[in-house]
N, C-alpha and C. Protein backbone atom coordinates (compact mmCIF):
# COMPACT_ATOMS: atom_id res chain seq x y z
N MET A 1 -181.19 -342.00 -58.42
CA MET A 1 -181.43 -340.65 -58.88
C MET A 1 -181.01 -339.61 -57.84
N GLU A 2 -181.34 -339.84 -56.62
CA GLU A 2 -181.03 -338.85 -55.60
C GLU A 2 -179.53 -338.70 -55.39
N LYS A 3 -178.79 -339.78 -55.52
CA LYS A 3 -177.34 -339.69 -55.35
C LYS A 3 -176.71 -338.82 -56.43
N LYS A 4 -177.22 -338.95 -57.64
CA LYS A 4 -176.68 -338.13 -58.73
C LYS A 4 -177.00 -336.65 -58.50
N ASP A 5 -178.17 -336.35 -57.98
CA ASP A 5 -178.55 -334.97 -57.71
C ASP A 5 -177.68 -334.34 -56.63
N THR A 6 -177.28 -335.12 -55.63
CA THR A 6 -176.44 -334.56 -54.57
C THR A 6 -175.00 -334.38 -55.04
N ARG A 7 -174.60 -335.14 -56.04
CA ARG A 7 -173.24 -335.03 -56.55
C ARG A 7 -173.06 -333.78 -57.41
N GLU A 8 -174.06 -333.42 -58.15
CA GLU A 8 -173.94 -332.26 -59.04
C GLU A 8 -173.66 -330.95 -58.31
N PRO A 9 -174.37 -330.65 -57.23
CA PRO A 9 -174.03 -329.41 -56.52
C PRO A 9 -172.61 -329.44 -55.96
N ARG A 10 -172.16 -330.60 -55.51
CA ARG A 10 -170.80 -330.70 -54.99
C ARG A 10 -169.78 -330.44 -56.09
N GLU A 11 -170.05 -331.01 -57.27
CA GLU A 11 -169.15 -330.77 -58.40
C GLU A 11 -169.15 -329.30 -58.80
N ASN A 12 -170.33 -328.70 -58.76
CA ASN A 12 -170.41 -327.27 -59.09
C ASN A 12 -169.62 -326.43 -58.09
N ARG A 13 -169.72 -326.79 -56.81
CA ARG A 13 -168.97 -326.06 -55.78
C ARG A 13 -167.47 -326.22 -55.99
N GLU A 14 -167.04 -327.43 -56.35
CA GLU A 14 -165.62 -327.66 -56.59
C GLU A 14 -165.13 -326.83 -57.78
N LEU A 15 -165.94 -326.78 -58.84
CA LEU A 15 -165.57 -325.98 -60.00
C LEU A 15 -165.50 -324.49 -59.65
N MET A 16 -166.45 -324.04 -58.85
CA MET A 16 -166.46 -322.64 -58.43
C MET A 16 -165.25 -322.33 -57.55
N ASN A 17 -164.88 -323.26 -56.68
CA ASN A 17 -163.70 -323.06 -55.83
C ASN A 17 -162.43 -323.00 -56.66
N GLU A 18 -162.31 -323.85 -57.67
CA GLU A 18 -161.14 -323.83 -58.55
C GLU A 18 -161.07 -322.51 -59.31
N GLU A 19 -162.21 -322.05 -59.80
CA GLU A 19 -162.27 -320.79 -60.53
C GLU A 19 -161.90 -319.62 -59.61
N ALA A 20 -162.43 -319.65 -58.39
CA ALA A 20 -162.12 -318.58 -57.43
C ALA A 20 -160.63 -318.58 -57.10
N GLY A 21 -160.03 -319.74 -56.95
CA GLY A 21 -158.60 -319.83 -56.68
C GLY A 21 -157.78 -319.28 -57.83
N ARG A 22 -158.20 -319.60 -59.05
CA ARG A 22 -157.49 -319.09 -60.22
C ARG A 22 -157.59 -317.57 -60.29
N LEU A 23 -158.77 -317.03 -60.02
CA LEU A 23 -158.95 -315.58 -60.05
C LEU A 23 -158.14 -314.89 -58.96
N ARG A 24 -158.06 -315.50 -57.77
CA ARG A 24 -157.25 -314.93 -56.70
C ARG A 24 -155.77 -314.89 -57.10
N GLN A 25 -155.31 -315.97 -57.72
CA GLN A 25 -153.91 -316.02 -58.16
C GLN A 25 -153.62 -314.94 -59.21
N GLU A 26 -154.52 -314.76 -60.16
CA GLU A 26 -154.33 -313.71 -61.17
C GLU A 26 -154.32 -312.32 -60.53
N ALA A 27 -155.19 -312.11 -59.55
CA ALA A 27 -155.23 -310.82 -58.87
C ALA A 27 -153.93 -310.57 -58.12
N ARG A 28 -153.39 -311.60 -57.47
CA ARG A 28 -152.12 -311.47 -56.76
C ARG A 28 -151.00 -311.10 -57.71
N GLU A 29 -150.97 -311.76 -58.88
CA GLU A 29 -149.92 -311.47 -59.86
C GLU A 29 -150.03 -310.05 -60.38
N ARG A 30 -151.26 -309.60 -60.67
CA ARG A 30 -151.45 -308.23 -61.15
C ARG A 30 -151.02 -307.22 -60.09
N ARG A 31 -151.38 -307.47 -58.83
CA ARG A 31 -151.02 -306.55 -57.76
C ARG A 31 -149.50 -306.49 -57.61
N ASN A 32 -148.83 -307.63 -57.68
CA ASN A 32 -147.37 -307.64 -57.57
C ASN A 32 -146.72 -306.86 -58.71
N ASN A 33 -147.23 -307.04 -59.92
CA ASN A 33 -146.67 -306.31 -61.06
C ASN A 33 -146.89 -304.81 -60.90
N ASN A 34 -148.07 -304.41 -60.46
CA ASN A 34 -148.35 -302.99 -60.27
C ASN A 34 -147.48 -302.40 -59.16
N THR A 35 -147.24 -303.19 -58.12
CA THR A 35 -146.39 -302.72 -57.03
C THR A 35 -144.97 -302.51 -57.52
N ARG A 36 -144.47 -303.42 -58.33
CA ARG A 36 -143.11 -303.26 -58.87
C ARG A 36 -143.01 -302.00 -59.72
N LYS A 37 -144.01 -301.76 -60.55
CA LYS A 37 -143.99 -300.57 -61.41
C LYS A 37 -144.02 -299.29 -60.56
N THR A 38 -144.84 -299.29 -59.53
CA THR A 38 -144.93 -298.12 -58.66
C THR A 38 -143.62 -297.88 -57.93
N ASN A 39 -143.00 -298.96 -57.46
CA ASN A 39 -141.72 -298.81 -56.76
C ASN A 39 -140.66 -298.25 -57.69
N ARG A 40 -140.64 -298.69 -58.93
CA ARG A 40 -139.67 -298.16 -59.89
C ARG A 40 -139.89 -296.67 -60.13
N LEU A 41 -141.15 -296.28 -60.24
CA LEU A 41 -141.44 -294.86 -60.46
C LEU A 41 -140.97 -294.01 -59.28
N TRP A 42 -141.21 -294.45 -58.06
CA TRP A 42 -140.75 -293.72 -56.88
C TRP A 42 -139.24 -293.66 -56.84
N LEU A 43 -138.58 -294.75 -57.22
CA LEU A 43 -137.12 -294.77 -57.24
C LEU A 43 -136.57 -293.72 -58.22
N TRP A 44 -137.13 -293.67 -59.42
CA TRP A 44 -136.66 -292.69 -60.41
C TRP A 44 -136.98 -291.27 -59.97
N LEU A 45 -138.11 -291.07 -59.34
CA LEU A 45 -138.43 -289.73 -58.82
C LEU A 45 -137.40 -289.32 -57.77
N GLY A 46 -137.03 -290.24 -56.89
CA GLY A 46 -136.01 -289.94 -55.89
C GLY A 46 -134.67 -289.61 -56.52
N VAL A 47 -134.30 -290.35 -57.56
CA VAL A 47 -133.03 -290.08 -58.25
C VAL A 47 -133.06 -288.68 -58.88
N LEU A 48 -134.15 -288.35 -59.52
CA LEU A 48 -134.26 -287.01 -60.13
C LEU A 48 -134.19 -285.91 -59.09
N ILE A 49 -134.82 -286.11 -57.95
CA ILE A 49 -134.77 -285.10 -56.89
C ILE A 49 -133.35 -284.95 -56.36
N LEU A 50 -132.65 -286.07 -56.18
CA LEU A 50 -131.27 -285.99 -55.71
C LEU A 50 -130.37 -285.27 -56.71
N ILE A 51 -130.56 -285.51 -57.99
CA ILE A 51 -129.78 -284.80 -59.01
C ILE A 51 -130.07 -283.31 -58.95
N PHE A 52 -131.35 -282.96 -58.80
CA PHE A 52 -131.72 -281.55 -58.70
C PHE A 52 -131.07 -280.90 -57.49
N ILE A 53 -131.08 -281.60 -56.35
CA ILE A 53 -130.46 -281.05 -55.14
C ILE A 53 -128.96 -280.86 -55.34
N LEU A 54 -128.31 -281.82 -55.97
CA LEU A 54 -126.88 -281.71 -56.22
C LEU A 54 -126.57 -280.51 -57.12
N LEU A 55 -127.34 -280.36 -58.20
CA LEU A 55 -127.12 -279.23 -59.09
C LEU A 55 -127.38 -277.90 -58.39
N TRP A 56 -128.42 -277.85 -57.58
CA TRP A 56 -128.74 -276.63 -56.84
C TRP A 56 -127.60 -276.29 -55.85
N TRP A 57 -127.06 -277.31 -55.20
CA TRP A 57 -125.97 -277.09 -54.25
C TRP A 57 -124.73 -276.58 -54.96
N LEU A 58 -124.42 -277.20 -56.09
CA LEU A 58 -123.25 -276.74 -56.84
C LEU A 58 -123.42 -275.29 -57.30
N TRP A 59 -124.62 -274.94 -57.72
CA TRP A 59 -124.87 -273.57 -58.15
C TRP A 59 -124.76 -272.62 -56.96
N SER A 60 -125.26 -273.03 -55.82
CA SER A 60 -125.29 -272.14 -54.66
C SER A 60 -123.89 -271.89 -54.10
N ILE A 61 -122.97 -272.83 -54.22
CA ILE A 61 -121.62 -272.57 -53.72
C ILE A 61 -120.78 -271.83 -54.74
N GLY A 62 -121.32 -271.59 -55.89
CA GLY A 62 -120.64 -270.74 -56.84
C GLY A 62 -119.83 -271.46 -57.90
N THR A 63 -119.86 -272.77 -57.90
CA THR A 63 -119.09 -273.51 -58.89
C THR A 63 -119.56 -273.18 -60.29
N PHE A 64 -120.85 -273.25 -60.51
CA PHE A 64 -121.36 -272.97 -61.84
C PHE A 64 -121.34 -271.48 -62.14
N GLU A 65 -121.47 -270.65 -61.10
CA GLU A 65 -121.42 -269.20 -61.34
C GLU A 65 -120.06 -268.79 -61.88
N ASP A 66 -119.02 -269.35 -61.29
CA ASP A 66 -117.67 -269.00 -61.76
C ASP A 66 -117.43 -269.53 -63.17
N LEU A 67 -117.90 -270.71 -63.44
CA LEU A 67 -117.68 -271.28 -64.77
C LEU A 67 -118.45 -270.53 -65.84
N SER A 68 -119.62 -270.06 -65.50
CA SER A 68 -120.44 -269.39 -66.52
C SER A 68 -120.17 -267.89 -66.59
N GLY A 69 -119.41 -267.36 -65.65
CA GLY A 69 -119.07 -265.93 -65.69
C GLY A 69 -120.20 -265.03 -65.23
N VAL A 70 -121.08 -265.53 -64.39
CA VAL A 70 -122.20 -264.71 -63.91
C VAL A 70 -121.70 -263.65 -62.93
N THR A 71 -120.76 -264.00 -62.07
CA THR A 71 -120.26 -263.04 -61.09
C THR A 71 -118.98 -262.39 -61.60
N ASN A 72 -118.62 -261.26 -60.98
CA ASN A 72 -117.42 -260.50 -61.40
C ASN A 72 -116.23 -260.78 -60.50
N GLY A 73 -116.03 -261.96 -60.10
CA GLY A 73 -114.82 -262.25 -59.37
C GLY A 73 -115.08 -262.61 -57.99
């Protein structure tokens, strides 16, 4: 009887360790997915900022002003 009682807590600990390992793995996967999504968002934000800077530069040197007829020569 005593041997069976000592085995049950060990089995419970093993089950808990397996469950904890599975939960850690799921958390790692979720974190990696969220990191990828965040990196993509920052990349697109950077692209949009660069496009804005390019358009602003073109406007400031007068390329778009001449094409649109804003200035008189």
